[in-house]
């Protein structure tokens, strides 16, 4: 059984895929590291201002600035990453993807990539797409298969079955 998807990637596709990668890939540590760093910075501010001895206003301003930077940039990390990826992906125009029992083939205006399932042995599903992950430990490589690229909405279940037969769902 083979299935074909035809789609033009959108910013929303890429943003969704980056969010999934941050949850399941090597960057998942950022989900707790960034907020923890922000909290530690604000604890340092409190200690610098109320601790024993003279208040260190300069150090408190520096730590407060770093904490604020982490709090502001943390949520923007997904959008900034997605923006960079979208700039590269969108230049390719329309994507045609053929998903088969042995391999998956991506074809665009300028490229063709064929990979056996060992290239992307895991996947996660979102309401709008299937996100495939590379086989490396950190799951750094990501490929998205938007459900809207399928010809028939009933094909979503068929594609899920095909993926479940060949790779592992996270």
C-alpha atoms as a PDB file:
ATOM      1  CA  UNK A   1       0.000   0.000   0.000  1.00  0.00           C
ATOM      2  CA  UNK A   2       1.297   3.472  -0.877  1.00  0.00           C
ATOM      3  CA  UNK A   3      -0.184   6.851  -0.071  1.00  0.00           C
ATOM      4  CA  UNK A   4       0.480  10.255  -1.566  1.00  0.00           C
ATOM      5  CA  UNK A   5       0.370  13.650   0.091  1.00  0.00           C
ATOM      6  CA  UNK A   6       0.504  16.911  -1.844  1.00  0.00           C
ATOM      7  CA  UNK A   7       0.885  20.157   0.084  1.00  0.00           C
ATOM      8  CA  UNK A   8       2.677  23.459   0.375  1.00  0.00           C
ATOM      9  CA  UNK A   9       4.154  23.865   3.872  1.00  0.00           C
ATOM     10  CA  UNK A  10       2.753  26.691   5.989  1.00  0.00           C
ATOM     11  CA  UNK A  11       4.225  28.554   8.938  1.00  0.00           C
ATOM     12  CA  UNK A  12       1.695  26.769  11.139  1.00  0.00           C
ATOM     13  CA  UNK A  13       2.934  23.364   9.919  1.00  0.00           C
ATOM     14  CA  UNK A  14       6.510  24.262  10.790  1.00  0.00           C
ATOM     15  CA  UNK A  15       5.613  25.847  14.142  1.00  0.00           C
ATOM     16  CA  UNK A  16       3.630  22.740  15.099  1.00  0.00           C
ATOM     17  CA  UNK A  17       6.524  20.459  14.081  1.00  0.00           C
ATOM     18  CA  UNK A  18       9.038  22.542  16.077  1.00  0.00           C
ATOM     19  CA  UNK A  19       6.756  22.391  19.141  1.00  0.00           C
ATOM     20  CA  UNK A  20       6.586  18.604  18.830  1.00  0.00           C
ATOM     21  CA  UNK A  21      10.363  18.422  18.422  1.00  0.00           C
ATOM     22  CA  UNK A  22      10.818  20.484  21.587  1.00  0.00           C
ATOM     23  CA  UNK A  23       8.599  17.988  23.418  1.00  0.00           C
ATOM     24  CA  UNK A  24      10.210  14.802  22.109  1.00  0.00           C
ATOM     25  CA  UNK A  25      13.624  15.681  20.671  1.00  0.00           C
ATOM     26  CA  UNK A  26      16.950  16.637  22.163  1.00  0.00           C
ATOM     27  CA  UNK A  27      15.664  20.136  22.865  1.00  0.00           C
ATOM     28  CA  UNK A  28      13.090  18.894  25.394  1.00  0.00           C
ATOM     29  CA  UNK A  29      15.478  19.879  28.177  1.00  0.00           C
ATOM     30  CA  UNK A  30      14.753  23.521  27.248  1.00  0.00           C
ATOM     31  CA  UNK A  31      11.146  23.076  28.366  1.00  0.00           C
ATOM     32  CA  UNK A  32      12.251  22.996  31.988  1.00  0.00           C
ATOM     33  CA  UNK A  33      15.721  24.548  31.801  1.00  0.00           C
ATOM     34  CA  UNK A  34      14.617  27.991  30.582  1.00  0.00           C
ATOM     35  CA  UNK A  35      11.906  28.499  33.243  1.00  0.00           C
ATOM     36  CA  UNK A  36      14.248  27.127  35.941  1.00  0.00           C
ATOM     37  CA  UNK A  37      16.959  29.588  34.886  1.00  0.00           C
ATOM     38  CA  UNK A  38      14.421  32.424  35.063  1.00  0.00           C
ATOM     39  CA  UNK A  39      13.328  31.429  38.569  1.00  0.00           C
ATOM     40  CA  UNK A  40      16.955  31.111  39.719  1.00  0.00           C
ATOM     41  CA  UNK A  41      17.739  34.566  38.345  1.00  0.00           C
ATOM     42  CA  UNK A  42      14.857  36.105  40.312  1.00  0.00           C
ATOM     43  CA  UNK A  43      15.871  34.200  43.469  1.00  0.00           C
ATOM     44  CA  UNK A  44      19.378  35.617  42.988  1.00  0.00           C
ATOM     45  CA  UNK A  45      17.874  39.130  42.728  1.00  0.00           C
ATOM     46  CA  UNK A  46      16.047  38.627  46.027  1.00  0.00           C
ATOM     47  CA  UNK A  47      19.195  37.320  47.734  1.00  0.00           C
ATOM     48  CA  UNK A  48      21.346  40.132  46.355  1.00  0.00           C
ATOM     49  CA  UNK A  49      18.925  42.760  47.645  1.00  0.00           C
ATOM     50  CA  UNK A  50      17.930  41.229  50.985  1.00  0.00           C
ATOM     51  CA  UNK A  51      20.914  39.081  51.913  1.00  0.00           C
ATOM     52  CA  UNK A  52      23.477  39.845  54.590  1.00  0.00           C
ATOM     53  CA  UNK A  53      25.580  42.961  54.118  1.00  0.00           C
ATOM     54  CA  UNK A  54      25.028  45.780  51.673  1.00  0.00           C
ATOM     55  CA  UNK A  55      22.478  45.205  48.873  1.00  0.00           C
ATOM     56  CA  UNK A  56      24.215  44.594  45.537  1.00  0.00           C
ATOM     57  CA  UNK A  57      22.003  46.675  43.279  1.00  0.00           C
ATOM     58  CA  UNK A  58      24.249  46.260  40.224  1.00  0.00           C
ATOM     59  CA  UNK A  59      24.250  42.481  40.528  1.00  0.00           C
ATOM     60  CA  UNK A  60      20.495  42.463  41.148  1.00  0.00           C
ATOM     61  CA  UNK A  61      19.881  44.542  38.002  1.00  0.00           C
ATOM     62  CA  UNK A  62      22.085  42.171  35.970  1.00  0.00           C
ATOM     63  CA  UNK A  63      20.382  39.036  37.297  1.00  0.00           C
ATOM     64  CA  UNK A  64      16.929  40.621  36.900  1.00  0.00           C
ATOM     65  CA  UNK A  65      17.761  41.478  33.291  1.00  0.00           C
ATOM     66  CA  UNK A  66      18.921  37.920  32.604  1.00  0.00           C
ATOM     67  CA  UNK A  67      15.782  36.508  34.232  1.00  0.00           C
ATOM     68  CA  UNK A  68      13.573  38.814  32.188  1.00  0.00           C
ATOM     69  CA  UNK A  69      15.441  37.857  29.022  1.00  0.00           C
ATOM     70  CA  UNK A  70      14.862  34.147  29.697  1.00  0.00           C
ATOM     71  CA  UNK A  71      11.179  34.735  30.499  1.00  0.00           C
ATOM     72  CA  UNK A  72      10.662  36.713  27.271  1.00  0.00           C
ATOM     73  CA  UNK A  73      12.820  34.641  24.908  1.00  0.00           C
ATOM     74  CA  UNK A  74      11.716  31.225  26.200  1.00  0.00           C
ATOM     75  CA  UNK A  75       8.250  31.325  24.625  1.00  0.00           C
ATOM     76  CA  UNK A  76       9.658  32.962  21.494  1.00  0.00           C
ATOM     77  CA  UNK A  77      12.128  30.107  20.891  1.00  0.00           C
ATOM     78  CA  UNK A  78       9.538  28.031  19.025  1.00  0.00           C
ATOM     79  CA  UNK A  79       8.517  30.917  16.785  1.00  0.00           C
ATOM     80  CA  UNK A  80      12.093  31.986  16.087  1.00  0.00           C
ATOM     81  CA  UNK A  81      13.140  28.429  15.210  1.00  0.00           C
ATOM     82  CA  UNK A  82      10.054  27.882  13.056  1.00  0.00           C
ATOM     83  CA  UNK A  83      10.696  31.150  11.235  1.00  0.00           C
ATOM     84  CA  UNK A  84      14.206  30.057  10.267  1.00  0.00           C
ATOM     85  CA  UNK A  85      13.096  26.602   9.146  1.00  0.00           C
ATOM     86  CA  UNK A  86      10.133  27.999   7.199  1.00  0.00           C
ATOM     87  CA  UNK A  87      12.410  30.384   5.291  1.00  0.00           C
ATOM     88  CA  UNK A  88      14.375  27.383   4.020  1.00  0.00           C
ATOM     89  CA  UNK A  89      11.433  25.019   3.433  1.00  0.00           C
ATOM     90  CA  UNK A  90       9.079  27.479   1.747  1.00  0.00           C
ATOM     91  CA  UNK A  91      11.491  28.081  -1.139  1.00  0.00           C
ATOM     92  CA  UNK A  92      10.853  24.524  -2.312  1.00  0.00           C
ATOM     93  CA  UNK A  93       7.208  25.216  -3.188  1.00  0.00           C
ATOM     94  CA  UNK A  94       4.817  22.287  -3.390  1.00  0.00           C
ATOM     95  CA  UNK A  95       5.775  18.975  -1.762  1.00  0.00           C
ATOM     96  CA  UNK A  96       4.742  15.559  -3.050  1.00  0.00           C
ATOM     97  CA  UNK A  97       5.300  12.764  -0.587  1.00  0.00           C
ATOM     98  CA  UNK A  98       4.807   9.096  -1.371  1.00  0.00           C
ATOM     99  CA  UNK A  99       4.631   6.915   1.727  1.00  0.00           C
ATOM    100  CA  UNK A 100       5.097   3.201   1.099  1.00  0.00           C
ATOM    101  CA  UNK A 101       5.773   0.012   3.004  1.00  0.00           C
ATOM    102  CA  UNK A 102       9.553   0.215   2.482  1.00  0.00           C
ATOM    103  CA  UNK A 103      10.316   3.894   2.106  1.00  0.00           C
ATOM    104  CA  UNK A 104       9.145   7.464   2.064  1.00  0.00           C
ATOM    105  CA  UNK A 105       9.894   9.803  -0.855  1.00  0.00           C
ATOM    106  CA  UNK A 106       9.743  13.596  -0.712  1.00  0.00           C
ATOM    107  CA  UNK A 107       9.778  15.449  -4.032  1.00  0.00           C
ATOM    108  CA  UNK A 108       9.869  19.226  -4.462  1.00  0.00           C
ATOM    109  CA  UNK A 109      10.667  21.576  -7.296  1.00  0.00           C
ATOM    110  CA  UNK A 110      14.402  21.358  -6.563  1.00  0.00           C
ATOM    111  CA  UNK A 111      14.973  18.098  -4.728  1.00  0.00           C
ATOM    112  CA  UNK A 112      14.065  14.507  -4.157  1.00  0.00           C
ATOM    113  CA  UNK A 113      14.796  12.635  -0.948  1.00  0.00           C
ATOM    114  CA  UNK A 114      14.188   8.933  -0.496  1.00  0.00           C
ATOM    115  CA  UNK A 115      14.587   7.284   2.870  1.00  0.00           C
ATOM    116  CA  UNK A 116      13.920   3.865   4.278  1.00  0.00           C
ATOM    117  CA  UNK A 117      11.991   3.740   7.503  1.00  0.00           C
ATOM    118  CA  UNK A 118      15.245   3.447   9.482  1.00  0.00           C
ATOM    119  CA  UNK A 119      15.842   7.120   8.613  1.00  0.00           C
ATOM    120  CA  UNK A 120      12.715   8.169  10.539  1.00  0.00           C
ATOM    121  CA  UNK A 121      11.906   5.334  12.957  1.00  0.00           C
ATOM    122  CA  UNK A 122       9.592   7.312  15.269  1.00  0.00           C
ATOM    123  CA  UNK A 123       6.662   9.660  14.893  1.00  0.00           C
ATOM    124  CA  UNK A 124       4.210  11.760  16.871  1.00  0.00           C
ATOM    125  CA  UNK A 125       0.737  12.803  15.792  1.00  0.00           C
ATOM    126  CA  UNK A 126      -0.813  16.230  16.266  1.00  0.00           C
ATOM    127  CA  UNK A 127      -4.333  17.280  15.298  1.00  0.00           C
ATOM    128  CA  UNK A 128      -3.013  18.593  11.958  1.00  0.00           C
ATOM    129  CA  UNK A 129      -0.066  16.386  10.996  1.00  0.00           C
ATOM    130  CA  UNK A 130       2.261  13.471  11.581  1.00  0.00           C
ATOM    131  CA  UNK A 131       5.771  14.490  12.673  1.00  0.00           C
ATOM    132  CA  UNK A 132       8.526  11.982  11.872  1.00  0.00           C
ATOM    133  CA  UNK A 133      11.787  11.945  13.838  1.00  0.00           C
ATOM    134  CA  UNK A 134      15.244  10.882  12.782  1.00  0.00           C
ATOM    135  CA  UNK A 135      16.810   7.802  14.329  1.00  0.00           C
ATOM    136  CA  UNK A 136      19.541   9.625  16.256  1.00  0.00           C
ATOM    137  CA  UNK A 137      19.355   9.687  20.049  1.00  0.00           C
ATOM    138  CA  UNK A 138      18.345  13.351  20.175  1.00  0.00           C
ATOM    139  CA  UNK A 139      15.751  13.086  17.394  1.00  0.00           C
ATOM    140  CA  UNK A 140      17.230  16.188  15.801  1.00  0.00           C
ATOM    141  CA  UNK A 141      15.881  15.530  12.295  1.00  0.00           C
ATOM    142  CA  UNK A 142      12.195  16.195  11.769  1.00  0.00           C
ATOM    143  CA  UNK A 143       9.835  15.736   8.828  1.00  0.00           C
ATOM    144  CA  UNK A 144       6.183  16.740   8.831  1.00  0.00           C
ATOM    145  CA  UNK A 145       3.315  15.142   6.934  1.00  0.00           C
ATOM    146  CA  UNK A 146       0.331  17.525   7.098  1.00  0.00           C
ATOM    147  CA  UNK A 147      -2.968  15.658   7.114  1.00  0.00           C
ATOM    148  CA  UNK A 148      -4.455  18.253   4.729  1.00  0.00           C
ATOM    149  CA  UNK A 149      -2.069  16.920   2.072  1.00  0.00           C
ATOM    150  CA  UNK A 150      -4.081  13.721   1.787  1.00  0.00           C
ATOM    151  CA  UNK A 151      -6.709  13.521  -0.969  1.00  0.00           C
ATOM    152  CA  UNK A 152      -9.431  12.076   1.258  1.00  0.00           C
ATOM    153  CA  UNK A 153      -9.948  12.690   5.020  1.00  0.00           C
ATOM    154  CA  UNK A 154     -10.415   8.917   5.436  1.00  0.00           C
ATOM    155  CA  UNK A 155      -6.805   8.517   4.316  1.00  0.00           C
ATOM    156  CA  UNK A 156      -5.648   9.875   7.685  1.00  0.00           C
ATOM    157  CA  UNK A 157      -6.543   6.575   9.351  1.00  0.00           C
ATOM    158  CA  UNK A 158      -4.875   4.613   6.551  1.00  0.00           C
ATOM    159  CA  UNK A 159      -1.695   6.680   6.882  1.00  0.00           C
ATOM    160  CA  UNK A 160      -1.694   6.234  10.674  1.00  0.00           C
ATOM    161  CA  UNK A 161      -2.011   2.463  10.170  1.00  0.00           C
ATOM    162  CA  UNK A 162       0.847   2.478   7.663  1.00  0.00           C
ATOM    163  CA  UNK A 163       3.057   4.470  10.041  1.00  0.00           C
ATOM    164  CA  UNK A 164       2.175   2.217  12.987  1.00  0.00           C
ATOM    165  CA  UNK A 165       3.134  -0.829  10.936  1.00  0.00           C
ATOM    166  CA  UNK A 166       6.567   0.560  10.023  1.00  0.00           C
ATOM    167  CA  UNK A 167       7.697   2.905  12.804  1.00  0.00           C
ATOM    168  CA  UNK A 168       7.088   3.600  16.501  1.00  0.00           C
ATOM    169  CA  UNK A 169       4.586   6.145  17.749  1.00  0.00           C
ATOM    170  CA  UNK A 170       5.837   8.347  20.591  1.00  0.00           C
END
